[in-house]
Amino acid sequence: MKRTLSALFISLFSAFSLLAQQPVFLFPEFQPGTLSFQGFERKEEVLLNIDAMGQRVFYLQGETLMELTNMYLIDTLLVSGKRFVMKEGLLCEQLAWPGDTVYVNWKFKNVNKGSKGALGATTQNKVDVLWTSLAPGEPVKGDGMFAQRGDYVQEVWQRKGNNTYIFKIGGVQYKAQRLKDLYKAFPDQAPALKAYVKEKKYTLENAQQALQVISYLKQLF
């Protein structure tokens, strides 16, 4: 049994290069955690972290960063006092919330806010810096725009929450990422919910606000 489990882990984890896609970890550092897999009684204790950008689980094997590739086999993941389970194919944190349990699949997305140009302003027009071999301070001309060699033109991104919330009302399970998902699923309660959200200025991009919205929605029944 032990040999079978070891072979399973070899097939589950593979080496990963950070150059492929920079992860955005939920925890500032890798934390001691426990992984339980479906069909196996033995639990594995490893240093792990969760990538909320690419929806991946990583752990450290010595100084080597490894990725869990078959996440659907996860039964429970315990880390830093938090419990994660698979729900509708998503790795979700299980949260106790008034009236029921809410499952949150943490996910972040980067939204392009434009490019930062030579004068430091953010614009939707991309500015290319040419002839970058020039010394700092020397003017660079390209496409009718000027930039200083020392002013690096860069894309400006804003990170926003794109979480999925899974919860039950009346014994029926629902899943929502955006407010319009709730309005569509609960048309009779939509007017009151819209008024509540407008008054509070809540969005589902903010997890704490999203949980408040779901809590209020349950009160409408």
N, C-alpha and C. Protein backbone atom coordinates (compact mmCIF):
# COMPACT_ATOMS: atom_id res chain seq x y z
N MET A 1 0.83 -1.20 0.00
CA MET A 1 0.00 0.00 0.00
C MET A 1 0.87 1.25 0.00
N LYS A 2 1.94 1.23 0.82
CA LYS A 2 2.84 2.38 0.89
C LYS A 2 3.51 2.60 -0.45
N ARG A 3 3.94 1.52 -1.10
CA ARG A 3 4.60 1.66 -2.40
C ARG A 3 3.63 2.20 -3.42
N THR A 4 2.36 1.74 -3.36
CA THR A 4 1.34 2.22 -4.31
C THR A 4 1.11 3.71 -4.14
N LEU A 5 1.04 4.17 -2.88
CA LEU A 5 0.83 5.58 -2.61
C LEU A 5 2.00 6.42 -3.09
N SER A 6 3.22 5.92 -2.89
CA SER A 6 4.40 6.65 -3.36
C SER A 6 4.37 6.79 -4.87
N ALA A 7 3.98 5.74 -5.56
CA ALA A 7 3.88 5.79 -7.02
C ALA A 7 2.83 6.79 -7.45
N LEU A 8 1.74 6.87 -6.67
CA LEU A 8 0.69 7.82 -6.98
C LEU A 8 1.21 9.24 -6.89
N PHE A 9 2.01 9.52 -5.89
CA PHE A 9 2.55 10.86 -5.73
C PHE A 9 3.51 11.21 -6.85
N ILE A 10 4.27 10.25 -7.30
CA ILE A 10 5.17 10.50 -8.42
C ILE A 10 4.36 10.89 -9.66
N SER A 11 3.23 10.27 -9.84
CA SER A 11 2.41 10.59 -11.00
C SER A 11 1.62 11.88 -10.81
N LEU A 12 1.38 12.27 -9.55
CA LEU A 12 0.59 13.46 -9.29
C LEU A 12 1.40 14.74 -9.42
N PHE A 13 2.63 14.72 -8.97
CA PHE A 13 3.42 15.94 -8.91
C PHE A 13 4.46 16.00 -10.02
N SER A 14 4.63 17.18 -10.57
CA SER A 14 5.64 17.37 -11.60
C SER A 14 6.37 18.67 -11.36
N ALA A 15 7.62 18.75 -11.80
CA ALA A 15 8.40 19.98 -11.65
C ALA A 15 7.77 21.09 -12.45
N PHE A 16 7.90 22.32 -11.94
CA PHE A 16 7.24 23.47 -12.57
C PHE A 16 8.20 24.65 -12.66
N SER A 17 8.15 25.35 -13.78
CA SER A 17 8.99 26.54 -13.96
C SER A 17 8.15 27.79 -13.75
N LEU A 18 8.62 28.69 -12.90
CA LEU A 18 7.88 29.93 -12.64
C LEU A 18 7.86 30.84 -13.86
N LEU A 19 8.72 30.57 -14.82
CA LEU A 19 8.75 31.41 -16.01
C LEU A 19 7.50 31.21 -16.86
N ALA A 20 6.84 30.08 -16.73
CA ALA A 20 5.67 29.79 -17.55
C ALA A 20 4.51 30.71 -17.18
N GLN A 21 4.24 30.85 -15.89
CA GLN A 21 3.17 31.73 -15.43
C GLN A 21 3.42 32.05 -13.97
N GLN A 22 3.61 33.32 -13.67
CA GLN A 22 3.92 33.72 -12.31
C GLN A 22 2.71 33.51 -11.42
N PRO A 23 2.83 32.68 -10.38
CA PRO A 23 1.68 32.42 -9.52
C PRO A 23 1.41 33.58 -8.57
N VAL A 24 0.19 33.68 -8.10
CA VAL A 24 -0.20 34.63 -7.07
C VAL A 24 -0.68 33.79 -5.89
N PHE A 25 0.15 33.65 -4.88
CA PHE A 25 -0.13 32.74 -3.79
C PHE A 25 -1.09 33.35 -2.77
N LEU A 26 -1.94 32.49 -2.21
CA LEU A 26 -2.88 32.92 -1.17
C LEU A 26 -2.15 33.26 0.12
N PHE A 27 -1.07 32.54 0.40
CA PHE A 27 -0.33 32.74 1.64
C PHE A 27 1.04 33.36 1.33
N PRO A 28 1.50 34.29 2.16
CA PRO A 28 2.78 34.96 1.87
C PRO A 28 3.96 34.02 1.84
N GLU A 29 3.87 32.90 2.57
CA GLU A 29 4.94 31.90 2.59
C GLU A 29 4.31 30.52 2.51
N PHE A 30 5.10 29.54 2.10
CA PHE A 30 4.63 28.16 2.09
C PHE A 30 4.36 27.72 3.53
N GLN A 31 3.19 27.11 3.74
CA GLN A 31 2.75 26.75 5.08
C GLN A 31 2.68 25.23 5.24
N PRO A 32 2.92 24.73 6.48
CA PRO A 32 2.71 23.30 6.72
C PRO A 32 1.24 22.96 6.47
N GLY A 33 1.02 21.94 5.69
CA GLY A 33 -0.34 21.56 5.37
C GLY A 33 -0.50 20.06 5.27
N THR A 34 -1.75 19.62 5.24
CA THR A 34 -2.07 18.20 5.16
C THR A 34 -2.97 17.96 3.96
N LEU A 35 -2.58 17.03 3.13
CA LEU A 35 -3.36 16.64 1.95
C LEU A 35 -3.96 15.27 2.15
N SER A 36 -5.28 15.18 1.94
CA SER A 36 -5.96 13.89 1.97
C SER A 36 -6.52 13.62 0.58
N PHE A 37 -6.27 12.41 0.07
CA PHE A 37 -6.74 12.05 -1.27
C PHE A 37 -7.86 11.03 -1.20
N GLN A 38 -8.74 11.09 -2.16
CA GLN A 38 -9.84 10.15 -2.24
C GLN A 38 -9.31 8.73 -2.43
N GLY A 39 -9.81 7.82 -1.62
CA GLY A 39 -9.43 6.42 -1.76
C GLY A 39 -8.17 6.04 -1.00
N PHE A 40 -7.58 6.98 -0.26
CA PHE A 40 -6.37 6.69 0.50
C PHE A 40 -6.55 7.16 1.94
N GLU A 41 -6.25 6.29 2.87
CA GLU A 41 -6.39 6.63 4.28
C GLU A 41 -5.22 7.48 4.76
N ARG A 42 -4.06 7.27 4.19
CA ARG A 42 -2.87 7.98 4.62
C ARG A 42 -2.92 9.44 4.19
N LYS A 43 -2.55 10.34 5.09
CA LYS A 43 -2.49 11.77 4.79
C LYS A 43 -1.03 12.18 4.59
N GLU A 44 -0.83 13.12 3.69
CA GLU A 44 0.52 13.60 3.40
C GLU A 44 0.71 14.99 3.99
N GLU A 45 1.78 15.18 4.75
CA GLU A 45 2.09 16.47 5.33
C GLU A 45 3.24 17.11 4.56
N VAL A 46 2.98 18.28 3.99
CA VAL A 46 3.97 18.96 3.15
C VAL A 46 3.89 20.46 3.38
N LEU A 47 4.90 21.18 2.93
CA LEU A 47 4.84 22.65 2.87
C LEU A 47 4.19 23.02 1.56
N LEU A 48 3.07 23.72 1.62
CA LEU A 48 2.33 23.97 0.38
C LEU A 48 1.79 25.39 0.33
N ASN A 49 1.29 25.74 -0.85
CA ASN A 49 0.65 27.03 -1.09
C ASN A 49 -0.30 26.87 -2.26
N ILE A 50 -1.21 27.83 -2.39
CA ILE A 50 -2.24 27.76 -3.43
C ILE A 50 -2.12 28.98 -4.33
N ASP A 51 -2.04 28.74 -5.62
CA ASP A 51 -1.96 29.81 -6.62
C ASP A 51 -3.38 30.22 -6.99
N ALA A 52 -3.77 31.43 -6.57
CA ALA A 52 -5.12 31.92 -6.82
C ALA A 52 -5.26 32.55 -8.20
N MET A 53 -4.18 32.66 -8.94
CA MET A 53 -4.25 33.18 -10.30
C MET A 53 -4.47 32.03 -11.28
N GLY A 54 -3.67 30.98 -11.13
CA GLY A 54 -3.74 29.87 -12.08
C GLY A 54 -4.49 28.66 -11.58
N GLN A 55 -5.08 28.77 -10.35
CA GLN A 55 -5.85 27.66 -9.79
C GLN A 55 -5.03 26.39 -9.69
N ARG A 56 -3.90 26.49 -8.98
CA ARG A 56 -2.99 25.36 -8.84
C ARG A 56 -2.54 25.23 -7.39
N VAL A 57 -2.12 24.03 -7.04
CA VAL A 57 -1.57 23.76 -5.71
C VAL A 57 -0.10 23.41 -5.88
N PHE A 58 0.77 24.06 -5.09
CA PHE A 58 2.20 23.80 -5.13
C PHE A 58 2.68 23.33 -3.77
N TYR A 59 3.75 22.54 -3.78
CA TYR A 59 4.39 22.18 -2.53
C TYR A 59 5.90 22.13 -2.75
N LEU A 60 6.63 22.16 -1.66
CA LEU A 60 8.09 22.17 -1.72
C LEU A 60 8.63 20.78 -1.41
N GLN A 61 9.48 20.31 -2.27
CA GLN A 61 10.22 19.07 -2.04
C GLN A 61 11.68 19.46 -1.93
N GLY A 62 12.13 19.69 -0.70
CA GLY A 62 13.45 20.27 -0.51
C GLY A 62 13.41 21.71 -0.99
N GLU A 63 14.23 22.04 -1.97
CA GLU A 63 14.23 23.38 -2.57
C GLU A 63 13.55 23.39 -3.93
N THR A 64 12.92 22.27 -4.29
CA THR A 64 12.28 22.16 -5.59
C THR A 64 10.79 22.45 -5.46
N LEU A 65 10.29 23.31 -6.33
CA LEU A 65 8.87 23.64 -6.35
C LEU A 65 8.14 22.64 -7.22
N MET A 66 7.11 22.01 -6.66
CA MET A 66 6.36 20.98 -7.36
C MET A 66 4.90 21.40 -7.48
N GLU A 67 4.24 20.90 -8.51
CA GLU A 67 2.85 21.24 -8.76
C GLU A 67 1.98 19.99 -8.70
N LEU A 68 0.84 20.11 -8.04
CA LEU A 68 -0.13 19.04 -8.03
C LEU A 68 -0.95 19.12 -9.31
N THR A 69 -0.89 18.09 -10.14
CA THR A 69 -1.51 18.16 -11.46
C THR A 69 -2.90 17.55 -11.51
N ASN A 70 -3.19 16.58 -10.64
CA ASN A 70 -4.52 15.94 -10.64
C ASN A 70 -5.29 16.37 -9.40
N MET A 71 -5.74 17.63 -9.40
CA MET A 71 -6.38 18.18 -8.22
C MET A 71 -7.72 17.52 -7.91
N TYR A 72 -8.35 16.92 -8.90
CA TYR A 72 -9.66 16.32 -8.68
C TYR A 72 -9.59 15.16 -7.68
N LEU A 73 -8.39 14.64 -7.40
CA LEU A 73 -8.23 13.55 -6.44
C LEU A 73 -8.19 14.05 -4.99
N ILE A 74 -8.13 15.37 -4.81
CA ILE A 74 -8.08 15.92 -3.45
C ILE A 74 -9.40 15.67 -2.74
N ASP A 75 -9.29 15.19 -1.50
CA ASP A 75 -10.47 15.08 -0.64
C ASP A 75 -10.55 16.29 0.28
N THR A 76 -9.45 16.55 0.99
CA THR A 76 -9.38 17.70 1.90
C THR A 76 -7.95 18.23 1.93
N LEU A 77 -7.85 19.54 1.97
CA LEU A 77 -6.56 20.19 2.11
C LEU A 77 -6.65 21.12 3.31
N LEU A 78 -5.81 20.89 4.31
CA LEU A 78 -5.80 21.71 5.52
C LEU A 78 -4.49 22.49 5.56
N VAL A 79 -4.61 23.82 5.64
CA VAL A 79 -3.41 24.65 5.68
C VAL A 79 -3.71 25.95 6.41
N SER A 80 -2.83 26.33 7.32
CA SER A 80 -2.95 27.60 8.04
C SER A 80 -4.32 27.78 8.68
N GLY A 81 -4.85 26.71 9.23
CA GLY A 81 -6.15 26.78 9.91
C GLY A 81 -7.34 26.85 8.98
N LYS A 82 -7.13 26.66 7.69
CA LYS A 82 -8.20 26.74 6.71
C LYS A 82 -8.43 25.37 6.07
N ARG A 83 -9.68 25.09 5.73
CA ARG A 83 -10.05 23.83 5.10
C ARG A 83 -10.47 24.08 3.65
N PHE A 84 -9.85 23.33 2.73
CA PHE A 84 -10.19 23.42 1.32
C PHE A 84 -10.69 22.05 0.85
N VAL A 85 -11.73 22.07 0.03
CA VAL A 85 -12.29 20.84 -0.53
C VAL A 85 -12.59 21.09 -2.01
N MET A 86 -12.76 20.01 -2.77
CA MET A 86 -13.15 20.14 -4.16
C MET A 86 -14.67 20.26 -4.23
N LYS A 87 -15.13 21.26 -4.96
CA LYS A 87 -16.56 21.52 -5.11
C LYS A 87 -16.83 21.88 -6.56
N GLU A 88 -17.59 21.05 -7.26
CA GLU A 88 -17.89 21.26 -8.68
C GLU A 88 -16.61 21.47 -9.50
N GLY A 89 -15.60 20.68 -9.18
CA GLY A 89 -14.35 20.75 -9.92
C GLY A 89 -13.46 21.90 -9.53
N LEU A 90 -13.81 22.65 -8.49
CA LEU A 90 -13.04 23.80 -8.05
C LEU A 90 -12.52 23.57 -6.64
N LEU A 91 -11.29 24.01 -6.38
CA LEU A 91 -10.74 23.94 -5.04
C LEU A 91 -11.27 25.12 -4.25
N CYS A 92 -12.08 24.85 -3.23
CA CYS A 92 -12.78 25.91 -2.51
C CYS A 92 -12.44 25.89 -1.03
N GLU A 93 -12.34 27.07 -0.45
CA GLU A 93 -12.23 27.17 1.00
C GLU A 93 -13.62 27.02 1.59
N GLN A 94 -13.73 26.18 2.59
CA GLN A 94 -15.01 25.94 3.25
C GLN A 94 -15.16 26.92 4.40
N LEU A 95 -16.15 27.81 4.30
CA LEU A 95 -16.34 28.85 5.30
C LEU A 95 -17.67 28.64 6.02
N ALA A 96 -17.62 28.72 7.35
CA ALA A 96 -18.85 28.68 8.13
C ALA A 96 -19.44 30.09 8.12
N TRP A 97 -20.66 30.20 7.64
CA TRP A 97 -21.31 31.50 7.51
C TRP A 97 -22.71 31.40 8.09
N PRO A 98 -23.25 32.47 8.68
CA PRO A 98 -24.57 32.39 9.31
C PRO A 98 -25.62 31.74 8.40
N GLY A 99 -26.23 30.68 8.90
CA GLY A 99 -27.29 30.01 8.16
C GLY A 99 -26.83 28.83 7.35
N ASP A 100 -25.56 28.77 7.00
CA ASP A 100 -25.10 27.66 6.17
C ASP A 100 -23.60 27.77 5.95
N THR A 101 -23.10 26.89 5.08
CA THR A 101 -21.69 26.92 4.70
C THR A 101 -21.56 27.52 3.31
N VAL A 102 -20.59 28.39 3.13
CA VAL A 102 -20.30 28.97 1.83
C VAL A 102 -18.93 28.49 1.39
N TYR A 103 -18.83 28.06 0.15
CA TYR A 103 -17.56 27.61 -0.41
C TYR A 103 -17.04 28.69 -1.36
N VAL A 104 -15.78 29.07 -1.18
CA VAL A 104 -15.20 30.14 -1.99
C VAL A 104 -14.01 29.61 -2.77
N ASN A 105 -14.11 29.68 -4.08
CA ASN A 105 -12.97 29.38 -4.94
C ASN A 105 -12.24 30.70 -5.19
N TRP A 106 -11.09 30.86 -4.52
CA TRP A 106 -10.34 32.11 -4.62
C TRP A 106 -9.65 32.19 -5.98
N LYS A 107 -9.91 33.28 -6.67
CA LYS A 107 -9.28 33.48 -7.96
C LYS A 107 -9.10 34.97 -8.22
N PHE A 108 -7.92 35.31 -8.73
CA PHE A 108 -7.62 36.70 -9.08
C PHE A 108 -7.41 36.81 -10.58
N LYS A 109 -7.73 37.96 -11.11
CA LYS A 109 -7.47 38.23 -12.51
C LYS A 109 -6.81 39.59 -12.63
N ASN A 110 -5.98 39.76 -13.64
CA ASN A 110 -5.35 41.04 -13.91
C ASN A 110 -6.11 41.76 -15.01
N VAL A 111 -6.48 43.01 -14.74
CA VAL A 111 -7.20 43.83 -15.70
C VAL A 111 -6.26 44.90 -16.22
N ASN A 112 -6.10 44.98 -17.54
CA ASN A 112 -5.19 45.95 -18.14
C ASN A 112 -5.79 47.35 -18.04
N LYS A 113 -5.08 48.23 -17.34
CA LYS A 113 -5.55 49.61 -17.17
C LYS A 113 -4.87 50.57 -18.15
N GLY A 114 -4.07 50.02 -19.08
CA GLY A 114 -3.40 50.86 -20.06
C GLY A 114 -1.90 50.76 -19.92
N SER A 115 -1.19 51.74 -20.47
CA SER A 115 0.27 51.76 -20.42
C SER A 115 0.75 53.05 -19.78
N LYS A 116 1.86 52.95 -19.07
CA LYS A 116 2.45 54.12 -18.46
C LYS A 116 3.48 54.70 -19.40
N GLY A 117 3.23 55.93 -19.85
CA GLY A 117 4.07 56.54 -20.86
C GLY A 117 5.25 57.30 -20.30
N ALA A 118 5.88 58.05 -21.18
CA ALA A 118 7.12 58.74 -20.84
C ALA A 118 6.93 59.78 -19.75
N LEU A 119 5.74 60.39 -19.69
CA LEU A 119 5.50 61.45 -18.71
C LEU A 119 4.90 60.91 -17.42
N GLY A 120 4.79 59.59 -17.31
CA GLY A 120 4.28 59.00 -16.09
C GLY A 120 2.78 58.82 -16.07
N ALA A 121 2.09 59.32 -17.10
CA ALA A 121 0.63 59.21 -17.14
C ALA A 121 0.22 57.85 -17.69
N THR A 122 -0.94 57.38 -17.27
CA THR A 122 -1.48 56.12 -17.77
C THR A 122 -2.37 56.40 -18.96
N THR A 123 -2.11 55.71 -20.05
CA THR A 123 -2.89 55.91 -21.26
C THR A 123 -3.28 54.57 -21.84
N GLN A 124 -4.30 54.54 -22.67
CA GLN A 124 -4.71 53.30 -23.34
C GLN A 124 -3.86 53.05 -24.58
N ASN A 125 -3.03 54.04 -24.96
CA ASN A 125 -2.16 53.88 -26.11
C ASN A 125 -0.81 53.34 -25.67
N LYS A 126 -0.39 52.28 -26.30
CA LYS A 126 0.90 51.69 -25.94
C LYS A 126 2.04 52.54 -26.50
N VAL A 127 3.03 52.83 -25.67
CA VAL A 127 4.19 53.60 -26.07
C VAL A 127 5.39 52.67 -26.10
N ASP A 128 6.04 52.58 -27.25
CA ASP A 128 7.21 51.71 -27.38
C ASP A 128 8.49 52.53 -27.22
N VAL A 129 9.40 52.04 -26.42
CA VAL A 129 10.70 52.67 -26.27
C VAL A 129 11.67 51.99 -27.23
N LEU A 130 12.31 52.78 -28.09
CA LEU A 130 13.23 52.24 -29.07
C LEU A 130 14.67 52.59 -28.69
N TRP A 131 15.59 51.85 -29.34
CA TRP A 131 17.01 52.14 -29.16
C TRP A 131 17.38 52.16 -27.67
N THR A 132 17.11 51.09 -26.99
CA THR A 132 17.31 51.07 -25.54
C THR A 132 18.77 50.98 -25.14
N SER A 133 19.67 50.97 -26.13
CA SER A 133 21.09 50.94 -25.79
C SER A 133 21.62 52.32 -25.44
N LEU A 134 20.78 53.37 -25.62
CA LEU A 134 21.21 54.72 -25.28
C LEU A 134 21.41 54.87 -23.78
N ALA A 135 22.23 55.77 -23.41
CA ALA A 135 22.51 56.00 -22.00
C ALA A 135 21.30 56.64 -21.32
N PRO A 136 21.12 56.43 -20.02
CA PRO A 136 20.01 57.04 -19.29
C PRO A 136 19.99 58.55 -19.47
N GLY A 137 18.80 59.10 -19.72
CA GLY A 137 18.66 60.54 -19.87
C GLY A 137 18.66 61.00 -21.31
N GLU A 138 19.17 60.20 -22.23
CA GLU A 138 19.17 60.59 -23.63
C GLU A 138 17.78 60.37 -24.23
N PRO A 139 17.30 61.29 -25.07
CA PRO A 139 15.96 61.17 -25.64
C PRO A 139 15.88 60.01 -26.63
N VAL A 140 14.72 59.39 -26.62
CA VAL A 140 14.44 58.31 -27.56
C VAL A 140 13.19 58.70 -28.34
N LYS A 141 13.28 58.64 -29.67
CA LYS A 141 12.15 59.06 -30.49
C LYS A 141 11.61 57.85 -31.24
N GLY A 142 10.29 57.74 -31.25
CA GLY A 142 9.67 56.65 -31.98
C GLY A 142 8.19 56.92 -32.17
N ASP A 143 7.70 56.82 -33.40
CA ASP A 143 6.28 57.02 -33.71
C ASP A 143 5.77 58.38 -33.24
N GLY A 144 6.61 59.41 -33.33
CA GLY A 144 6.17 60.76 -33.00
C GLY A 144 6.10 61.05 -31.51
N MET A 145 6.51 60.10 -30.66
CA MET A 145 6.46 60.31 -29.22
C MET A 145 7.86 60.22 -28.65
N PHE A 146 8.09 60.98 -27.61
CA PHE A 146 9.40 60.99 -26.98
C PHE A 146 9.34 60.31 -25.61
N ALA A 147 10.41 59.65 -25.27
CA ALA A 147 10.51 59.05 -23.94
C ALA A 147 11.96 59.14 -23.50
N GLN A 148 12.18 59.28 -22.23
CA GLN A 148 13.53 59.28 -21.70
C GLN A 148 13.95 57.83 -21.48
N ARG A 149 15.19 57.55 -21.72
CA ARG A 149 15.71 56.20 -21.58
C ARG A 149 15.50 55.67 -20.17
N GLY A 150 15.55 56.56 -19.19
CA GLY A 150 15.39 56.13 -17.81
C GLY A 150 13.94 55.90 -17.41
N ASP A 151 12.98 56.33 -18.23
CA ASP A 151 11.57 56.14 -17.93
C ASP A 151 11.08 54.88 -18.63
N TYR A 152 10.94 53.79 -17.89
CA TYR A 152 10.55 52.54 -18.50
C TYR A 152 9.04 52.53 -18.76
N VAL A 153 8.68 52.39 -20.01
CA VAL A 153 7.27 52.30 -20.38
C VAL A 153 6.78 50.90 -20.02
N GLN A 154 5.71 50.82 -19.26
CA GLN A 154 5.26 49.52 -18.81
C GLN A 154 3.74 49.43 -18.82
N GLU A 155 3.27 48.20 -18.94
CA GLU A 155 1.84 47.96 -18.87
C GLU A 155 1.38 48.14 -17.42
N VAL A 156 0.20 48.71 -17.25
CA VAL A 156 -0.36 48.93 -15.92
C VAL A 156 -1.53 47.96 -15.72
N TRP A 157 -1.42 47.12 -14.73
CA TRP A 157 -2.44 46.12 -14.46
C TRP A 157 -3.00 46.32 -13.07
N GLN A 158 -4.28 46.03 -12.94
CA GLN A 158 -4.92 46.06 -11.63
C GLN A 158 -5.46 44.67 -11.31
N ARG A 159 -5.15 44.17 -10.14
CA ARG A 159 -5.59 42.83 -9.75
C ARG A 159 -6.97 42.91 -9.11
N LYS A 160 -7.90 42.11 -9.60
CA LYS A 160 -9.25 42.10 -9.08
C LYS A 160 -9.67 40.68 -8.73
N GLY A 161 -10.59 40.59 -7.78
CA GLY A 161 -11.11 39.29 -7.41
C GLY A 161 -12.07 38.77 -8.47
N ASN A 162 -11.96 37.50 -8.75
CA ASN A 162 -12.86 36.84 -9.69
C ASN A 162 -13.30 35.51 -9.07
N ASN A 163 -13.66 35.59 -7.78
CA ASN A 163 -13.97 34.40 -7.02
C ASN A 163 -15.30 33.78 -7.44
N THR A 164 -15.43 32.49 -7.16
CA THR A 164 -16.70 31.80 -7.36
C THR A 164 -17.22 31.40 -5.99
N TYR A 165 -18.50 31.68 -5.74
CA TYR A 165 -19.13 31.39 -4.47
C TYR A 165 -20.19 30.31 -4.67
N ILE A 166 -20.11 29.26 -3.87
CA ILE A 166 -21.05 28.15 -3.96
C ILE A 166 -21.78 28.05 -2.62
N PHE A 167 -23.10 28.04 -2.68
CA PHE A 167 -23.91 28.04 -1.46
C PHE A 167 -25.26 27.39 -1.75
N LYS A 168 -26.00 27.13 -0.68
CA LYS A 168 -27.31 26.52 -0.82
C LYS A 168 -28.40 27.42 -0.25
N ILE A 169 -29.55 27.42 -0.93
CA ILE A 169 -30.75 28.07 -0.43
C ILE A 169 -31.91 27.12 -0.69
N GLY A 170 -32.63 26.78 0.36
CA GLY A 170 -33.75 25.86 0.21
C GLY A 170 -33.34 24.49 -0.26
N GLY A 171 -32.13 24.06 0.11
CA GLY A 171 -31.64 22.75 -0.28
C GLY A 171 -31.10 22.67 -1.69
N VAL A 172 -31.13 23.78 -2.43
CA VAL A 172 -30.63 23.83 -3.81
C VAL A 172 -29.29 24.55 -3.83
N GLN A 173 -28.33 23.98 -4.53
CA GLN A 173 -26.99 24.56 -4.60
C GLN A 173 -26.89 25.56 -5.75
N TYR A 174 -26.28 26.70 -5.47
CA TYR A 174 -26.11 27.75 -6.47
C TYR A 174 -24.63 28.13 -6.55
N LYS A 175 -24.25 28.69 -7.70
CA LYS A 175 -22.88 29.13 -7.93
C LYS A 175 -22.92 30.50 -8.58
N ALA A 176 -22.12 31.42 -8.07
CA ALA A 176 -22.13 32.78 -8.61
C ALA A 176 -20.74 33.38 -8.61
N GLN A 177 -20.44 34.12 -9.67
CA GLN A 177 -19.21 34.90 -9.77
C GLN A 177 -19.50 36.39 -9.78
N ARG A 178 -20.64 36.76 -10.35
CA ARG A 178 -21.01 38.16 -10.50
C ARG A 178 -22.41 38.40 -9.97
N LEU A 179 -22.73 39.65 -9.71
CA LEU A 179 -24.05 40.00 -9.20
C LEU A 179 -25.14 39.57 -10.17
N LYS A 180 -24.87 39.68 -11.46
CA LYS A 180 -25.91 39.32 -12.43
C LYS A 180 -26.23 37.83 -12.37
N ASP A 181 -25.29 37.02 -11.87
CA ASP A 181 -25.57 35.60 -11.68
C ASP A 181 -26.66 35.42 -10.62
N LEU A 182 -26.60 36.24 -9.57
CA LEU A 182 -27.61 36.18 -8.51
C LEU A 182 -28.95 36.71 -9.00
N TYR A 183 -28.90 37.80 -9.76
CA TYR A 183 -30.16 38.37 -10.28
C TYR A 183 -30.88 37.38 -11.18
N LYS A 184 -30.11 36.66 -11.98
CA LYS A 184 -30.69 35.69 -12.91
C LYS A 184 -31.25 34.48 -12.17
N ALA A 185 -30.53 34.04 -11.14
CA ALA A 185 -30.96 32.85 -10.40
C ALA A 185 -32.13 33.14 -9.48
N PHE A 186 -32.26 34.40 -9.03
CA PHE A 186 -33.33 34.77 -8.10
C PHE A 186 -34.08 36.00 -8.61
N PRO A 187 -34.84 35.85 -9.68
CA PRO A 187 -35.53 37.01 -10.27
C PRO A 187 -36.53 37.67 -9.33
N ASP A 188 -37.19 36.90 -8.47
CA ASP A 188 -38.18 37.49 -7.56
C ASP A 188 -37.51 38.34 -6.48
N GLN A 189 -36.31 37.96 -6.11
CA GLN A 189 -35.58 38.69 -5.06
C GLN A 189 -34.64 39.74 -5.64
N ALA A 190 -34.50 39.76 -6.96
CA ALA A 190 -33.54 40.66 -7.61
C ALA A 190 -33.77 42.14 -7.29
N PRO A 191 -35.02 42.66 -7.33
CA PRO A 191 -35.21 44.09 -7.03
C PRO A 191 -34.71 44.48 -5.64
N ALA A 192 -35.04 43.68 -4.63
CA ALA A 192 -34.59 43.98 -3.26
C ALA A 192 -33.08 43.83 -3.15
N LEU A 193 -32.53 42.83 -3.82
CA LEU A 193 -31.08 42.61 -3.77
C LEU A 193 -30.34 43.74 -4.46
N LYS A 194 -30.87 44.22 -5.59
CA LYS A 194 -30.24 45.33 -6.30
C LYS A 194 -30.25 46.60 -5.44
N ALA A 195 -31.35 46.84 -4.74
CA ALA A 195 -31.44 48.02 -3.88
C ALA A 195 -30.43 47.93 -2.73
N TYR A 196 -30.28 46.73 -2.19
CA TYR A 196 -29.34 46.52 -1.08
C TYR A 196 -27.90 46.75 -1.55
N VAL A 197 -27.57 46.18 -2.70
CA VAL A 197 -26.21 46.31 -3.24
C VAL A 197 -25.90 47.77 -3.58
N LYS A 198 -26.87 48.46 -4.14
CA LYS A 198 -26.66 49.87 -4.50
C LYS A 198 -26.44 50.71 -3.26
N GLU A 199 -27.23 50.46 -2.22
CA GLU A 199 -27.09 51.22 -0.97
C GLU A 199 -25.75 50.99 -0.31
N LYS A 200 -25.33 49.72 -0.29
CA LYS A 200 -24.08 49.37 0.38
C LYS A 200 -22.85 49.55 -0.52
N LYS A 201 -23.08 49.69 -1.81
CA LYS A 201 -22.00 49.79 -2.80
C LYS A 201 -21.13 48.54 -2.76
N TYR A 202 -21.80 47.40 -2.73
CA TYR A 202 -21.12 46.12 -2.66
C TYR A 202 -20.91 45.52 -4.05
N THR A 203 -19.86 44.72 -4.17
CA THR A 203 -19.62 43.94 -5.37
C THR A 203 -19.18 42.55 -4.93
N LEU A 204 -19.18 41.59 -5.86
CA LEU A 204 -18.70 40.26 -5.54
C LEU A 204 -17.19 40.14 -5.72
N GLU A 205 -16.55 41.21 -6.19
CA GLU A 205 -15.10 41.20 -6.32
C GLU A 205 -14.44 41.23 -4.94
N ASN A 206 -15.13 41.78 -3.96
CA ASN A 206 -14.66 41.82 -2.59
C ASN A 206 -15.32 40.67 -1.84
N ALA A 207 -14.51 39.74 -1.33
CA ALA A 207 -15.04 38.52 -0.72
C ALA A 207 -15.92 38.81 0.49
N GLN A 208 -15.50 39.72 1.35
CA GLN A 208 -16.28 40.03 2.54
C GLN A 208 -17.64 40.62 2.14
N GLN A 209 -17.64 41.48 1.14
CA GLN A 209 -18.90 42.05 0.66
C GLN A 209 -19.78 40.98 0.02
N ALA A 210 -19.15 40.07 -0.71
CA ALA A 210 -19.90 39.00 -1.36
C ALA A 210 -20.62 38.13 -0.34
N LEU A 211 -19.94 37.81 0.76
CA LEU A 211 -20.56 37.00 1.80
C LEU A 211 -21.73 37.74 2.45
N GLN A 212 -21.61 39.05 2.58
CA GLN A 212 -22.71 39.85 3.12
C GLN A 212 -23.90 39.84 2.16
N VAL A 213 -23.61 39.89 0.87
CA VAL A 213 -24.69 39.87 -0.13
C VAL A 213 -25.42 38.53 -0.08
N ILE A 214 -24.68 37.43 0.01
CA ILE A 214 -25.29 36.10 0.07
C ILE A 214 -26.11 35.96 1.36
N SER A 215 -25.59 36.49 2.46
CA SER A 215 -26.31 36.44 3.73
C SER A 215 -27.62 37.22 3.64
N TYR A 216 -27.59 38.38 3.01
CA TYR A 216 -28.80 39.18 2.85
C TYR A 216 -29.80 38.46 1.94
N LEU A 217 -29.28 37.85 0.88
CA LEU A 217 -30.15 37.11 -0.05
C LEU A 217 -30.92 36.02 0.68
N LYS A 218 -30.27 35.32 1.58
CA LYS A 218 -30.94 34.25 2.32
C LYS A 218 -32.04 34.78 3.22
N GLN A 219 -31.89 36.02 3.67
CA GLN A 219 -32.90 36.62 4.53
C GLN A 219 -34.18 36.97 3.76
N LEU A 220 -34.10 36.99 2.43
CA LEU A 220 -35.26 37.35 1.62
C LEU A 220 -36.22 36.18 1.45
N PHE A 221 -35.87 35.00 1.96
CA PHE A 221 -36.71 33.82 1.81
C PHE A 221 -37.44 33.51 3.12
